[in-house]
N, C-alpha and C. Protein backbone atom coordinates (compact mmCIF):
# COMPACT_ATOMS: atom_id res chain seq x y z
N MET A 1 0.86 -1.20 0.00
CA MET A 1 0.00 0.00 0.00
C MET A 1 0.89 1.24 0.00
N ASN A 2 0.66 2.16 -0.97
CA ASN A 2 1.48 3.37 -1.01
C ASN A 2 1.01 4.39 0.00
N SER A 3 1.77 5.47 0.15
CA SER A 3 1.47 6.47 1.19
C SER A 3 0.14 7.16 0.97
N ASP A 4 -0.23 7.39 -0.30
CA ASP A 4 -1.51 8.06 -0.58
C ASP A 4 -2.70 7.23 -0.09
N ARG A 5 -2.61 5.91 -0.32
CA ARG A 5 -3.69 5.04 0.11
C ARG A 5 -3.77 4.98 1.63
N ILE A 6 -2.61 4.98 2.28
CA ILE A 6 -2.58 4.97 3.75
C ILE A 6 -3.24 6.22 4.30
N ILE A 7 -2.93 7.37 3.70
CA ILE A 7 -3.52 8.64 4.15
C ILE A 7 -5.03 8.63 3.98
N VAL A 8 -5.49 8.15 2.79
CA VAL A 8 -6.93 8.09 2.51
C VAL A 8 -7.63 7.16 3.51
N ALA A 9 -6.99 6.00 3.81
CA ALA A 9 -7.56 5.05 4.76
C ALA A 9 -7.68 5.66 6.15
N LEU A 10 -6.65 6.39 6.57
CA LEU A 10 -6.67 7.04 7.88
C LEU A 10 -7.76 8.10 7.96
N ILE A 11 -7.92 8.83 6.86
CA ILE A 11 -8.96 9.87 6.82
C ILE A 11 -10.34 9.22 6.93
N ASP A 12 -10.51 8.09 6.19
CA ASP A 12 -11.80 7.38 6.22
C ASP A 12 -12.11 6.88 7.63
N ILE A 13 -11.10 6.31 8.29
CA ILE A 13 -11.28 5.79 9.65
C ILE A 13 -11.63 6.92 10.61
N THR A 14 -10.93 8.05 10.46
CA THR A 14 -11.19 9.20 11.33
C THR A 14 -12.62 9.72 11.14
N GLU A 15 -13.07 9.75 9.88
CA GLU A 15 -14.42 10.23 9.59
C GLU A 15 -15.48 9.26 10.15
N ILE A 16 -15.21 7.96 10.02
CA ILE A 16 -16.14 6.96 10.57
C ILE A 16 -16.25 7.12 12.08
N LYS A 17 -15.11 7.31 12.75
CA LYS A 17 -15.12 7.49 14.20
C LYS A 17 -15.89 8.75 14.58
N ARG A 18 -15.71 9.83 13.81
CA ARG A 18 -16.41 11.08 14.10
C ARG A 18 -17.91 10.90 13.96
N LEU A 19 -18.32 10.23 12.88
CA LEU A 19 -19.75 10.00 12.64
C LEU A 19 -20.35 9.08 13.71
N THR A 20 -19.56 8.06 14.11
CA THR A 20 -20.02 7.14 15.16
C THR A 20 -20.23 7.86 16.48
N ASN A 21 -19.27 8.70 16.85
CA ASN A 21 -19.39 9.47 18.09
C ASN A 21 -20.55 10.44 18.03
N SER A 22 -20.75 11.04 16.85
CA SER A 22 -21.86 11.97 16.68
C SER A 22 -23.20 11.24 16.81
N LEU A 23 -23.26 10.03 16.22
CA LEU A 23 -24.49 9.23 16.30
C LEU A 23 -24.77 8.82 17.74
N LYS A 24 -23.73 8.40 18.46
CA LYS A 24 -23.89 8.02 19.87
C LYS A 24 -24.42 9.19 20.69
N GLY A 25 -23.88 10.38 20.41
CA GLY A 25 -24.34 11.59 21.11
C GLY A 25 -25.79 11.88 20.83
N SER A 26 -26.19 11.69 19.57
CA SER A 26 -27.59 11.94 19.18
C SER A 26 -28.53 10.95 19.84
N ILE A 27 -28.11 9.68 19.91
CA ILE A 27 -28.92 8.65 20.54
C ILE A 27 -29.10 8.94 22.03
N GLU A 28 -28.01 9.33 22.70
CA GLU A 28 -28.09 9.65 24.12
C GLU A 28 -29.00 10.84 24.37
N GLU A 29 -28.93 11.82 23.47
CA GLU A 29 -29.79 12.99 23.60
C GLU A 29 -31.25 12.61 23.40
N LEU A 30 -31.53 11.71 22.46
CA LEU A 30 -32.90 11.24 22.24
C LEU A 30 -33.41 10.49 23.47
N LYS A 31 -32.54 9.67 24.08
CA LYS A 31 -32.93 8.93 25.28
C LYS A 31 -33.28 9.89 26.42
N ARG A 32 -32.45 10.93 26.58
CA ARG A 32 -32.71 11.93 27.64
C ARG A 32 -34.03 12.64 27.38
N THR A 33 -34.24 13.04 26.12
CA THR A 33 -35.47 13.75 25.77
C THR A 33 -36.69 12.86 25.99
N PHE A 34 -36.56 11.58 25.62
CA PHE A 34 -37.66 10.63 25.81
C PHE A 34 -38.00 10.48 27.29
N GLN A 35 -36.97 10.31 28.12
CA GLN A 35 -37.20 10.14 29.55
C GLN A 35 -37.81 11.40 30.17
N GLU A 36 -37.34 12.56 29.74
CA GLU A 36 -37.89 13.82 30.25
C GLU A 36 -39.36 13.96 29.86
N THR A 37 -39.69 13.51 28.65
CA THR A 37 -41.08 13.57 28.18
C THR A 37 -41.98 12.67 29.02
N ILE A 38 -41.49 11.45 29.31
CA ILE A 38 -42.25 10.51 30.14
C ILE A 38 -42.48 11.10 31.53
N GLU A 39 -41.44 11.68 32.12
CA GLU A 39 -41.55 12.26 33.46
C GLU A 39 -42.51 13.46 33.47
N LEU A 40 -42.48 14.24 32.38
CA LEU A 40 -43.40 15.37 32.28
C LEU A 40 -44.84 14.89 32.22
N LEU A 41 -45.10 13.91 31.38
CA LEU A 41 -46.45 13.36 31.27
C LEU A 41 -46.92 12.80 32.61
N SER A 42 -46.02 12.11 33.31
CA SER A 42 -46.35 11.53 34.60
C SER A 42 -46.72 12.60 35.62
N SER A 43 -46.01 13.72 35.58
CA SER A 43 -46.24 14.78 36.57
C SER A 43 -47.56 15.51 36.37
N ILE A 44 -48.12 15.45 35.17
CA ILE A 44 -49.37 16.16 34.88
C ILE A 44 -50.49 15.68 35.80
N VAL A 45 -50.60 14.36 35.96
CA VAL A 45 -51.65 13.80 36.81
C VAL A 45 -51.43 14.18 38.26
N GLU A 46 -50.17 14.16 38.71
CA GLU A 46 -49.88 14.44 40.11
C GLU A 46 -50.17 15.90 40.48
N ILE A 47 -50.10 16.79 39.50
CA ILE A 47 -50.46 18.18 39.75
C ILE A 47 -51.96 18.29 40.00
N LYS A 48 -52.74 17.52 39.23
CA LYS A 48 -54.19 17.56 39.36
C LYS A 48 -54.67 16.75 40.56
N ASP A 49 -53.93 15.70 40.91
CA ASP A 49 -54.34 14.79 41.98
C ASP A 49 -53.21 14.67 43.00
N PRO A 50 -53.03 15.69 43.86
CA PRO A 50 -51.89 15.71 44.78
C PRO A 50 -51.87 14.58 45.79
N TYR A 51 -53.03 13.97 46.04
CA TYR A 51 -53.07 12.89 47.02
C TYR A 51 -52.32 11.65 46.53
N THR A 52 -52.13 11.55 45.24
CA THR A 52 -51.40 10.40 44.70
C THR A 52 -50.00 10.80 44.25
N PHE A 53 -49.47 11.88 44.82
CA PHE A 53 -48.12 12.33 44.46
C PHE A 53 -47.12 11.19 44.69
N GLY A 54 -46.36 10.88 43.67
CA GLY A 54 -45.37 9.82 43.77
C GLY A 54 -45.92 8.43 43.52
N HIS A 55 -47.25 8.32 43.43
CA HIS A 55 -47.87 7.00 43.26
C HIS A 55 -47.38 6.30 42.00
N GLN A 56 -47.39 7.00 40.87
CA GLN A 56 -47.01 6.37 39.61
C GLN A 56 -45.55 5.92 39.62
N LYS A 57 -44.68 6.74 40.22
CA LYS A 57 -43.26 6.37 40.29
C LYS A 57 -43.07 5.11 41.13
N LYS A 58 -43.76 5.05 42.27
CA LYS A 58 -43.64 3.87 43.14
C LYS A 58 -44.19 2.62 42.46
N VAL A 59 -45.32 2.77 41.77
CA VAL A 59 -45.90 1.64 41.04
C VAL A 59 -44.92 1.16 39.98
N SER A 60 -44.31 2.10 39.29
CA SER A 60 -43.32 1.77 38.26
C SER A 60 -42.16 0.97 38.85
N GLU A 61 -41.69 1.38 40.01
CA GLU A 61 -40.56 0.70 40.66
C GLU A 61 -40.95 -0.72 41.08
N ILE A 62 -42.13 -0.87 41.69
CA ILE A 62 -42.59 -2.19 42.13
C ILE A 62 -42.79 -3.11 40.93
N ALA A 63 -43.44 -2.59 39.90
CA ALA A 63 -43.71 -3.39 38.70
C ALA A 63 -42.42 -3.83 38.02
N SER A 64 -41.44 -2.95 37.99
CA SER A 64 -40.15 -3.29 37.38
C SER A 64 -39.45 -4.40 38.15
N LEU A 65 -39.52 -4.33 39.48
CA LEU A 65 -38.91 -5.37 40.31
C LEU A 65 -39.59 -6.73 40.07
N ILE A 66 -40.91 -6.71 39.95
CA ILE A 66 -41.64 -7.96 39.68
C ILE A 66 -41.24 -8.52 38.33
N ALA A 67 -41.16 -7.65 37.33
CA ALA A 67 -40.78 -8.09 35.98
C ALA A 67 -39.38 -8.69 35.98
N GLU A 68 -38.48 -8.09 36.73
CA GLU A 68 -37.12 -8.63 36.84
C GLU A 68 -37.13 -9.99 37.55
N GLU A 69 -37.94 -10.10 38.59
CA GLU A 69 -38.05 -11.36 39.34
C GLU A 69 -38.59 -12.47 38.43
N LEU A 70 -39.41 -12.12 37.48
CA LEU A 70 -39.98 -13.08 36.53
C LEU A 70 -39.06 -13.32 35.33
N ASN A 71 -37.89 -12.67 35.35
CA ASN A 71 -36.88 -12.84 34.30
C ASN A 71 -37.39 -12.47 32.91
N LEU A 72 -38.18 -11.42 32.84
CA LEU A 72 -38.65 -10.95 31.55
C LEU A 72 -37.51 -10.26 30.80
N PRO A 73 -37.59 -10.24 29.47
CA PRO A 73 -36.56 -9.54 28.68
C PRO A 73 -36.49 -8.06 29.06
N GLN A 74 -35.31 -7.48 28.92
CA GLN A 74 -35.11 -6.08 29.30
C GLN A 74 -36.06 -5.14 28.57
N LYS A 75 -36.35 -5.46 27.32
CA LYS A 75 -37.27 -4.62 26.54
C LYS A 75 -38.65 -4.60 27.18
N GLU A 76 -39.12 -5.76 27.67
CA GLU A 76 -40.42 -5.83 28.33
C GLU A 76 -40.41 -5.10 29.67
N ILE A 77 -39.31 -5.24 30.39
CA ILE A 77 -39.18 -4.54 31.67
C ILE A 77 -39.26 -3.03 31.47
N GLU A 78 -38.64 -2.54 30.41
CA GLU A 78 -38.67 -1.10 30.13
C GLU A 78 -40.08 -0.64 29.80
N LYS A 79 -40.82 -1.43 29.04
CA LYS A 79 -42.22 -1.09 28.73
C LYS A 79 -43.05 -1.01 30.01
N ILE A 80 -42.82 -1.97 30.90
CA ILE A 80 -43.56 -2.02 32.16
C ILE A 80 -43.20 -0.83 33.03
N ARG A 81 -41.91 -0.47 33.04
CA ARG A 81 -41.47 0.70 33.82
C ARG A 81 -42.18 1.97 33.34
N ILE A 82 -42.23 2.14 32.04
CA ILE A 82 -42.87 3.33 31.47
C ILE A 82 -44.38 3.30 31.71
N ALA A 83 -44.97 2.12 31.55
CA ALA A 83 -46.42 1.99 31.79
C ALA A 83 -46.76 2.36 33.23
N GLY A 84 -45.89 1.97 34.16
CA GLY A 84 -46.10 2.33 35.56
C GLY A 84 -46.07 3.84 35.77
N LEU A 85 -45.15 4.50 35.10
CA LEU A 85 -45.03 5.95 35.24
C LEU A 85 -46.22 6.70 34.65
N LEU A 86 -46.91 6.05 33.70
CA LEU A 86 -47.99 6.75 32.98
C LEU A 86 -49.36 6.12 33.18
N HIS A 87 -49.48 5.12 34.05
CA HIS A 87 -50.72 4.34 34.08
C HIS A 87 -51.95 5.14 34.48
N ASP A 88 -51.78 6.24 35.18
CA ASP A 88 -52.94 7.05 35.60
C ASP A 88 -53.10 8.34 34.80
N ILE A 89 -52.42 8.44 33.67
CA ILE A 89 -52.48 9.69 32.91
C ILE A 89 -53.91 10.01 32.46
N GLY A 90 -54.74 8.99 32.30
CA GLY A 90 -56.13 9.22 31.89
C GLY A 90 -56.96 9.96 32.92
N LYS A 91 -56.44 10.09 34.14
CA LYS A 91 -57.18 10.81 35.19
C LYS A 91 -57.25 12.31 34.92
N ILE A 92 -56.51 12.79 33.94
CA ILE A 92 -56.61 14.22 33.59
C ILE A 92 -58.00 14.56 33.07
N ALA A 93 -58.76 13.52 32.66
CA ALA A 93 -60.11 13.76 32.15
C ALA A 93 -61.16 13.72 33.24
N ILE A 94 -60.75 13.43 34.48
CA ILE A 94 -61.69 13.30 35.59
C ILE A 94 -61.71 14.59 36.41
N PRO A 95 -62.86 15.13 36.76
CA PRO A 95 -62.93 16.38 37.53
C PRO A 95 -62.13 16.30 38.83
N GLY A 96 -61.46 17.39 39.16
CA GLY A 96 -60.63 17.44 40.36
C GLY A 96 -61.41 17.19 41.63
N GLU A 97 -62.66 17.62 41.68
CA GLU A 97 -63.44 17.44 42.90
C GLU A 97 -63.72 15.96 43.18
N ILE A 98 -63.67 15.14 42.12
CA ILE A 98 -63.83 13.70 42.32
C ILE A 98 -62.51 13.08 42.75
N LEU A 99 -61.43 13.45 42.07
CA LEU A 99 -60.12 12.91 42.41
C LEU A 99 -59.71 13.27 43.84
N ASN A 100 -60.10 14.45 44.28
CA ASN A 100 -59.67 14.93 45.60
C ASN A 100 -60.77 14.86 46.66
N LYS A 101 -61.82 14.14 46.38
CA LYS A 101 -62.94 14.03 47.32
C LYS A 101 -62.48 13.38 48.63
N PRO A 102 -62.71 14.03 49.78
CA PRO A 102 -62.25 13.51 51.07
C PRO A 102 -63.20 12.47 51.67
N ALA A 103 -63.85 11.71 50.81
CA ALA A 103 -64.78 10.66 51.24
C ALA A 103 -64.86 9.64 50.13
N ARG A 104 -65.44 8.49 50.43
CA ARG A 104 -65.56 7.47 49.41
C ARG A 104 -66.45 7.95 48.27
N LEU A 105 -66.13 7.51 47.06
CA LEU A 105 -66.90 7.91 45.89
C LEU A 105 -68.24 7.19 45.86
N ASN A 106 -69.26 7.87 45.35
CA ASN A 106 -70.53 7.18 45.14
C ASN A 106 -70.45 6.42 43.82
N ALA A 107 -71.50 5.68 43.50
CA ALA A 107 -71.48 4.80 42.32
C ALA A 107 -71.22 5.57 41.03
N LEU A 108 -71.86 6.72 40.87
CA LEU A 108 -71.70 7.51 39.65
C LEU A 108 -70.28 8.05 39.54
N GLU A 109 -69.74 8.53 40.63
CA GLU A 109 -68.37 9.06 40.63
C GLU A 109 -67.35 7.97 40.31
N PHE A 110 -67.59 6.78 40.85
CA PHE A 110 -66.67 5.68 40.58
C PHE A 110 -66.72 5.28 39.10
N GLU A 111 -67.90 5.33 38.52
CA GLU A 111 -68.02 5.04 37.09
C GLU A 111 -67.21 6.04 36.27
N MET A 112 -67.16 7.29 36.70
CA MET A 112 -66.36 8.30 36.00
C MET A 112 -64.87 8.00 36.13
N VAL A 113 -64.46 7.58 37.32
CA VAL A 113 -63.05 7.23 37.54
C VAL A 113 -62.65 6.06 36.66
N LYS A 114 -63.56 5.15 36.43
CA LYS A 114 -63.27 3.93 35.67
C LYS A 114 -62.95 4.20 34.19
N ILE A 115 -63.15 5.43 33.73
CA ILE A 115 -62.83 5.72 32.33
C ILE A 115 -61.34 5.98 32.13
N HIS A 116 -60.57 6.14 33.24
CA HIS A 116 -59.20 6.61 33.06
C HIS A 116 -58.28 5.66 32.30
N PRO A 117 -58.42 4.32 32.39
CA PRO A 117 -57.56 3.49 31.54
C PRO A 117 -57.82 3.70 30.05
N LYS A 118 -59.08 3.87 29.69
CA LYS A 118 -59.45 4.08 28.30
C LYS A 118 -58.94 5.44 27.80
N VAL A 119 -59.08 6.46 28.64
CA VAL A 119 -58.59 7.79 28.25
C VAL A 119 -57.07 7.75 28.09
N GLY A 120 -56.37 7.11 29.02
CA GLY A 120 -54.92 6.99 28.91
C GLY A 120 -54.50 6.28 27.64
N TYR A 121 -55.24 5.22 27.31
CA TYR A 121 -54.98 4.47 26.08
C TYR A 121 -55.16 5.37 24.85
N GLU A 122 -56.23 6.12 24.82
CA GLU A 122 -56.52 6.98 23.67
C GLU A 122 -55.45 8.05 23.50
N ILE A 123 -54.91 8.55 24.61
CA ILE A 123 -53.87 9.57 24.54
C ILE A 123 -52.57 8.99 23.99
N LEU A 124 -52.16 7.84 24.52
CA LEU A 124 -50.83 7.30 24.22
C LEU A 124 -50.77 6.47 22.94
N LYS A 125 -51.89 5.92 22.49
CA LYS A 125 -51.85 5.08 21.30
C LYS A 125 -51.49 5.89 20.05
N LYS A 126 -51.66 7.20 20.12
CA LYS A 126 -51.35 8.06 18.98
C LYS A 126 -49.85 8.26 18.81
N VAL A 127 -49.08 7.90 19.86
CA VAL A 127 -47.61 8.02 19.80
C VAL A 127 -47.07 6.64 19.45
N ASN A 128 -46.46 6.50 18.28
CA ASN A 128 -46.07 5.20 17.76
C ASN A 128 -45.23 4.39 18.75
N PHE A 129 -44.21 5.01 19.38
CA PHE A 129 -43.33 4.26 20.25
C PHE A 129 -43.93 4.00 21.63
N LEU A 130 -45.17 4.48 21.87
CA LEU A 130 -45.85 4.20 23.14
C LEU A 130 -47.10 3.34 22.94
N SER A 131 -47.27 2.80 21.74
CA SER A 131 -48.50 2.03 21.46
C SER A 131 -48.59 0.77 22.32
N ASP A 132 -47.47 0.08 22.54
CA ASP A 132 -47.48 -1.11 23.41
C ASP A 132 -47.78 -0.72 24.86
N VAL A 133 -47.21 0.40 25.29
CA VAL A 133 -47.45 0.90 26.64
C VAL A 133 -48.93 1.26 26.80
N ALA A 134 -49.52 1.82 25.76
CA ALA A 134 -50.94 2.19 25.80
C ALA A 134 -51.81 0.96 26.06
N GLU A 135 -51.48 -0.17 25.44
CA GLU A 135 -52.25 -1.41 25.64
C GLU A 135 -52.15 -1.90 27.08
N ILE A 136 -50.95 -1.78 27.66
CA ILE A 136 -50.75 -2.19 29.06
C ILE A 136 -51.61 -1.34 29.99
N ILE A 137 -51.59 -0.03 29.75
CA ILE A 137 -52.35 0.91 30.57
C ILE A 137 -53.85 0.66 30.44
N LEU A 138 -54.30 0.35 29.24
CA LEU A 138 -55.72 0.06 29.01
C LEU A 138 -56.20 -1.10 29.88
N GLN A 139 -55.31 -2.07 30.13
CA GLN A 139 -55.71 -3.30 30.81
C GLN A 139 -55.34 -3.37 32.30
N HIS A 140 -54.73 -2.34 32.86
CA HIS A 140 -54.17 -2.50 34.20
C HIS A 140 -55.20 -2.61 35.32
N HIS A 141 -56.48 -2.37 35.02
CA HIS A 141 -57.53 -2.59 36.02
C HIS A 141 -58.40 -3.80 35.67
N GLU A 142 -57.98 -4.59 34.70
CA GLU A 142 -58.68 -5.83 34.40
C GLU A 142 -58.31 -6.88 35.46
N ARG A 143 -59.19 -7.83 35.70
CA ARG A 143 -58.95 -8.86 36.71
C ARG A 143 -59.22 -10.24 36.10
N LEU A 144 -58.55 -11.25 36.61
CA LEU A 144 -58.60 -12.59 36.01
C LEU A 144 -60.01 -13.15 35.90
N ASP A 145 -60.88 -12.82 36.86
CA ASP A 145 -62.24 -13.38 36.85
C ASP A 145 -63.21 -12.55 36.02
N GLY A 146 -62.71 -11.53 35.34
CA GLY A 146 -63.57 -10.71 34.48
C GLY A 146 -64.27 -9.58 35.19
N SER A 147 -63.96 -9.37 36.47
CA SER A 147 -64.65 -8.34 37.25
C SER A 147 -64.01 -6.96 37.11
N GLY A 148 -62.92 -6.87 36.36
CA GLY A 148 -62.22 -5.59 36.20
C GLY A 148 -62.82 -4.71 35.11
N TYR A 149 -62.12 -3.66 34.79
CA TYR A 149 -62.60 -2.71 33.77
C TYR A 149 -61.42 -2.18 32.96
N PRO A 150 -61.66 -1.64 31.77
CA PRO A 150 -62.95 -1.24 31.18
C PRO A 150 -63.65 -2.32 30.35
N ASN A 151 -62.95 -3.42 30.03
CA ASN A 151 -63.52 -4.38 29.08
C ASN A 151 -63.86 -5.74 29.66
N GLY A 152 -63.71 -5.91 30.97
CA GLY A 152 -64.06 -7.18 31.59
C GLY A 152 -63.29 -8.37 31.04
N LEU A 153 -62.01 -8.17 30.73
CA LEU A 153 -61.18 -9.26 30.20
C LEU A 153 -60.94 -10.32 31.27
N LYS A 154 -60.63 -11.54 30.83
CA LYS A 154 -60.39 -12.65 31.75
C LYS A 154 -59.06 -13.33 31.44
N GLN A 155 -58.47 -13.91 32.47
CA GLN A 155 -57.32 -14.81 32.36
C GLN A 155 -56.33 -14.41 31.27
N GLY A 156 -56.14 -15.30 30.29
CA GLY A 156 -55.14 -15.08 29.24
C GLY A 156 -55.44 -13.93 28.30
N GLU A 157 -56.63 -13.36 28.41
CA GLU A 157 -56.94 -12.18 27.57
C GLU A 157 -56.16 -10.96 28.05
N ILE A 158 -55.70 -11.00 29.27
CA ILE A 158 -55.00 -9.86 29.87
C ILE A 158 -53.49 -10.01 29.66
N LEU A 159 -52.86 -9.00 29.13
CA LEU A 159 -51.42 -9.02 28.90
C LEU A 159 -50.67 -9.23 30.21
N LEU A 160 -49.57 -10.00 30.17
CA LEU A 160 -48.76 -10.20 31.37
C LEU A 160 -48.28 -8.88 31.98
N PRO A 161 -47.77 -7.94 31.18
CA PRO A 161 -47.35 -6.65 31.77
C PRO A 161 -48.49 -5.95 32.51
N ALA A 162 -49.72 -6.07 32.00
CA ALA A 162 -50.87 -5.45 32.68
C ALA A 162 -51.18 -6.18 33.98
N ARG A 163 -50.98 -7.50 34.01
CA ARG A 163 -51.19 -8.26 35.24
C ARG A 163 -50.14 -7.89 36.29
N ILE A 164 -48.94 -7.62 35.83
CA ILE A 164 -47.88 -7.17 36.74
C ILE A 164 -48.21 -5.79 37.29
N LEU A 165 -48.63 -4.91 36.41
CA LEU A 165 -48.97 -3.55 36.81
C LEU A 165 -50.14 -3.55 37.79
N ALA A 166 -51.09 -4.46 37.60
CA ALA A 166 -52.25 -4.54 38.49
C ALA A 166 -51.83 -4.83 39.92
N VAL A 167 -50.93 -5.78 40.10
CA VAL A 167 -50.46 -6.13 41.44
C VAL A 167 -49.67 -4.97 42.05
N ALA A 168 -48.77 -4.38 41.26
CA ALA A 168 -47.97 -3.25 41.76
C ALA A 168 -48.87 -2.09 42.17
N ASP A 169 -49.91 -1.84 41.40
CA ASP A 169 -50.84 -0.74 41.68
C ASP A 169 -51.60 -0.99 42.99
N VAL A 170 -52.04 -2.22 43.19
CA VAL A 170 -52.77 -2.58 44.42
C VAL A 170 -51.87 -2.43 45.64
N VAL A 171 -50.65 -2.93 45.53
CA VAL A 171 -49.70 -2.85 46.65
C VAL A 171 -49.45 -1.40 47.04
N GLU A 172 -49.16 -0.56 46.06
CA GLU A 172 -48.84 0.84 46.37
C GLU A 172 -50.06 1.59 46.88
N ALA A 173 -51.21 1.36 46.24
CA ALA A 173 -52.43 2.08 46.64
C ALA A 173 -52.85 1.72 48.06
N MET A 174 -52.80 0.42 48.40
CA MET A 174 -53.24 0.00 49.72
C MET A 174 -52.31 0.51 50.83
N THR A 175 -51.03 0.62 50.55
CA THR A 175 -50.07 1.04 51.59
C THR A 175 -49.89 2.56 51.65
N SER A 176 -50.69 3.29 50.88
CA SER A 176 -50.62 4.75 50.88
C SER A 176 -51.87 5.36 51.52
N HIS A 177 -51.68 6.44 52.24
CA HIS A 177 -52.80 7.14 52.88
C HIS A 177 -53.65 7.84 51.83
N ARG A 178 -54.94 7.83 52.04
CA ARG A 178 -55.87 8.58 51.22
C ARG A 178 -56.77 9.40 52.15
N PRO A 179 -57.37 10.49 51.67
CA PRO A 179 -58.20 11.33 52.54
C PRO A 179 -59.37 10.57 53.16
N TYR A 180 -59.85 9.54 52.46
CA TYR A 180 -61.04 8.81 52.93
C TYR A 180 -60.70 7.53 53.69
N ARG A 181 -59.40 7.20 53.83
CA ARG A 181 -59.02 6.00 54.58
C ARG A 181 -57.53 6.04 54.94
N PRO A 182 -57.15 5.41 56.03
CA PRO A 182 -55.72 5.32 56.38
C PRO A 182 -55.03 4.27 55.52
N ALA A 183 -53.72 4.30 55.52
CA ALA A 183 -52.95 3.30 54.79
C ALA A 183 -53.11 1.93 55.44
N SER A 184 -53.15 0.89 54.63
CA SER A 184 -53.20 -0.47 55.15
C SER A 184 -51.79 -0.95 55.50
N SER A 185 -51.72 -1.92 56.37
CA SER A 185 -50.42 -2.50 56.71
C SER A 185 -49.97 -3.43 55.58
N ILE A 186 -48.69 -3.69 55.51
CA ILE A 186 -48.18 -4.61 54.49
C ILE A 186 -48.75 -6.01 54.71
N GLU A 187 -49.05 -6.36 55.96
CA GLU A 187 -49.67 -7.65 56.25
C GLU A 187 -51.05 -7.75 55.61
N ASP A 188 -51.80 -6.64 55.65
CA ASP A 188 -53.13 -6.62 55.02
C ASP A 188 -53.01 -6.75 53.50
N VAL A 189 -51.97 -6.11 52.95
CA VAL A 189 -51.74 -6.18 51.51
C VAL A 189 -51.43 -7.62 51.10
N ILE A 190 -50.56 -8.26 51.84
CA ILE A 190 -50.19 -9.65 51.54
C ILE A 190 -51.40 -10.57 51.65
N GLU A 191 -52.24 -10.33 52.65
CA GLU A 191 -53.46 -11.12 52.79
C GLU A 191 -54.38 -10.94 51.59
N GLU A 192 -54.51 -9.69 51.14
CA GLU A 192 -55.33 -9.40 49.96
C GLU A 192 -54.80 -10.14 48.73
N LEU A 193 -53.49 -10.10 48.52
CA LEU A 193 -52.91 -10.76 47.36
C LEU A 193 -53.07 -12.27 47.43
N ARG A 194 -52.81 -12.84 48.59
CA ARG A 194 -52.92 -14.29 48.73
C ARG A 194 -54.37 -14.77 48.60
N MET A 195 -55.28 -14.02 49.19
CA MET A 195 -56.69 -14.40 49.17
C MET A 195 -57.26 -14.37 47.75
N ASN A 196 -56.76 -13.42 46.94
CA ASN A 196 -57.31 -13.25 45.60
C ASN A 196 -56.36 -13.69 44.48
N SER A 197 -55.28 -14.37 44.87
CA SER A 197 -54.37 -14.93 43.87
C SER A 197 -55.11 -16.01 43.07
N GLY A 198 -55.10 -15.88 41.76
CA GLY A 198 -55.81 -16.82 40.90
C GLY A 198 -57.24 -16.41 40.62
N LYS A 199 -57.77 -15.50 41.44
CA LYS A 199 -59.12 -15.00 41.23
C LYS A 199 -59.07 -13.62 40.56
N LEU A 200 -58.41 -12.70 41.23
CA LEU A 200 -58.25 -11.35 40.68
C LEU A 200 -56.86 -11.15 40.08
N TYR A 201 -55.85 -11.69 40.76
CA TYR A 201 -54.46 -11.43 40.40
C TYR A 201 -53.75 -12.68 39.90
N ASP A 202 -52.83 -12.49 38.98
CA ASP A 202 -52.04 -13.59 38.42
C ASP A 202 -51.22 -14.25 39.53
N PRO A 203 -51.35 -15.57 39.74
CA PRO A 203 -50.62 -16.26 40.81
C PRO A 203 -49.10 -16.13 40.70
N GLU A 204 -48.57 -16.21 39.48
CA GLU A 204 -47.13 -16.09 39.30
C GLU A 204 -46.63 -14.69 39.66
N VAL A 205 -47.43 -13.70 39.33
CA VAL A 205 -47.07 -12.31 39.65
C VAL A 205 -47.12 -12.10 41.16
N VAL A 206 -48.15 -12.63 41.79
CA VAL A 206 -48.26 -12.53 43.26
C VAL A 206 -47.07 -13.21 43.92
N SER A 207 -46.75 -14.41 43.47
CA SER A 207 -45.62 -15.15 44.04
C SER A 207 -44.32 -14.38 43.88
N ALA A 208 -44.15 -13.76 42.72
CA ALA A 208 -42.94 -12.97 42.47
C ALA A 208 -42.84 -11.80 43.44
N TYR A 209 -43.97 -11.11 43.65
CA TYR A 209 -43.95 -9.99 44.60
C TYR A 209 -43.65 -10.48 46.01
N LEU A 210 -44.25 -11.59 46.42
CA LEU A 210 -44.03 -12.12 47.76
C LEU A 210 -42.57 -12.52 47.97
N ARG A 211 -41.93 -13.04 46.93
CA ARG A 211 -40.51 -13.36 47.02
C ARG A 211 -39.68 -12.10 47.21
N ILE A 212 -40.03 -11.07 46.46
CA ILE A 212 -39.33 -9.78 46.57
C ILE A 212 -39.47 -9.23 47.98
N TYR A 213 -40.71 -9.25 48.49
CA TYR A 213 -40.95 -8.73 49.84
C TYR A 213 -40.20 -9.54 50.88
N SER A 214 -40.22 -10.87 50.74
CA SER A 214 -39.53 -11.74 51.68
C SER A 214 -38.03 -11.47 51.69
N ASN A 215 -37.44 -11.33 50.50
CA ASN A 215 -36.00 -11.06 50.42
C ASN A 215 -35.66 -9.70 51.01
N LEU A 216 -36.54 -8.71 50.74
CA LEU A 216 -36.32 -7.37 51.28
C LEU A 216 -36.39 -7.40 52.81
N SER A 217 -37.35 -8.13 53.36
CA SER A 217 -37.50 -8.22 54.81
C SER A 217 -36.28 -8.86 55.45
N LEU A 218 -35.74 -9.89 54.80
CA LEU A 218 -34.56 -10.57 55.32
C LEU A 218 -33.36 -9.63 55.37
N HIS A 219 -33.24 -8.78 54.35
CA HIS A 219 -32.12 -7.84 54.31
C HIS A 219 -32.23 -6.76 55.38
N LEU A 220 -33.48 -6.53 55.84
CA LEU A 220 -33.69 -5.48 56.85
C LEU A 220 -33.50 -6.00 58.27
N LEU A 221 -33.41 -7.33 58.43
CA LEU A 221 -33.23 -7.93 59.76
C LEU A 221 -31.82 -7.69 60.30
């Protein structure tokens, strides 16, 4: 190889490295922008419903731990994490006086609250890279026996990520204070999960959460 070819080859390699570094920088910037967008969307609900401040983040963390315990692929875990952060975004369509009511909801008010998975789905399905997340959010209040909402799905009709999110949501909601009731103890939460495992909640998901809790308790001893 003569000197001219060596110089050309070095220039080509240098240009490839420059383009590669530029592409990596662009990808990292897109990731940051994406995460900031998710966090912004998540915060919208918490501004309207201060009683659930931090709820979506905690649900996301619990759901992600369950997904990891079940050895799901990283791509699925990421979808579940995002779904947790956005699962209540549909509550922006519900009047504030209902969300912040310092007493239990009446039947009509509860029916209004039940629209939030559908509203969240309609909002997010329009964003191509959030379409899978939208499906998870649509189903996160479905229950194995068909008693959930909005579509009364049963058993295998419910996506696994939605079944994971359902358990995480119940755990976080029960252990958090609300204006109309005090927080439940973790023992009460575990009883609820065990009593309704296979009826309302996926048994494998419940078992995964119980293993996580058991391991966490052991580390705290």
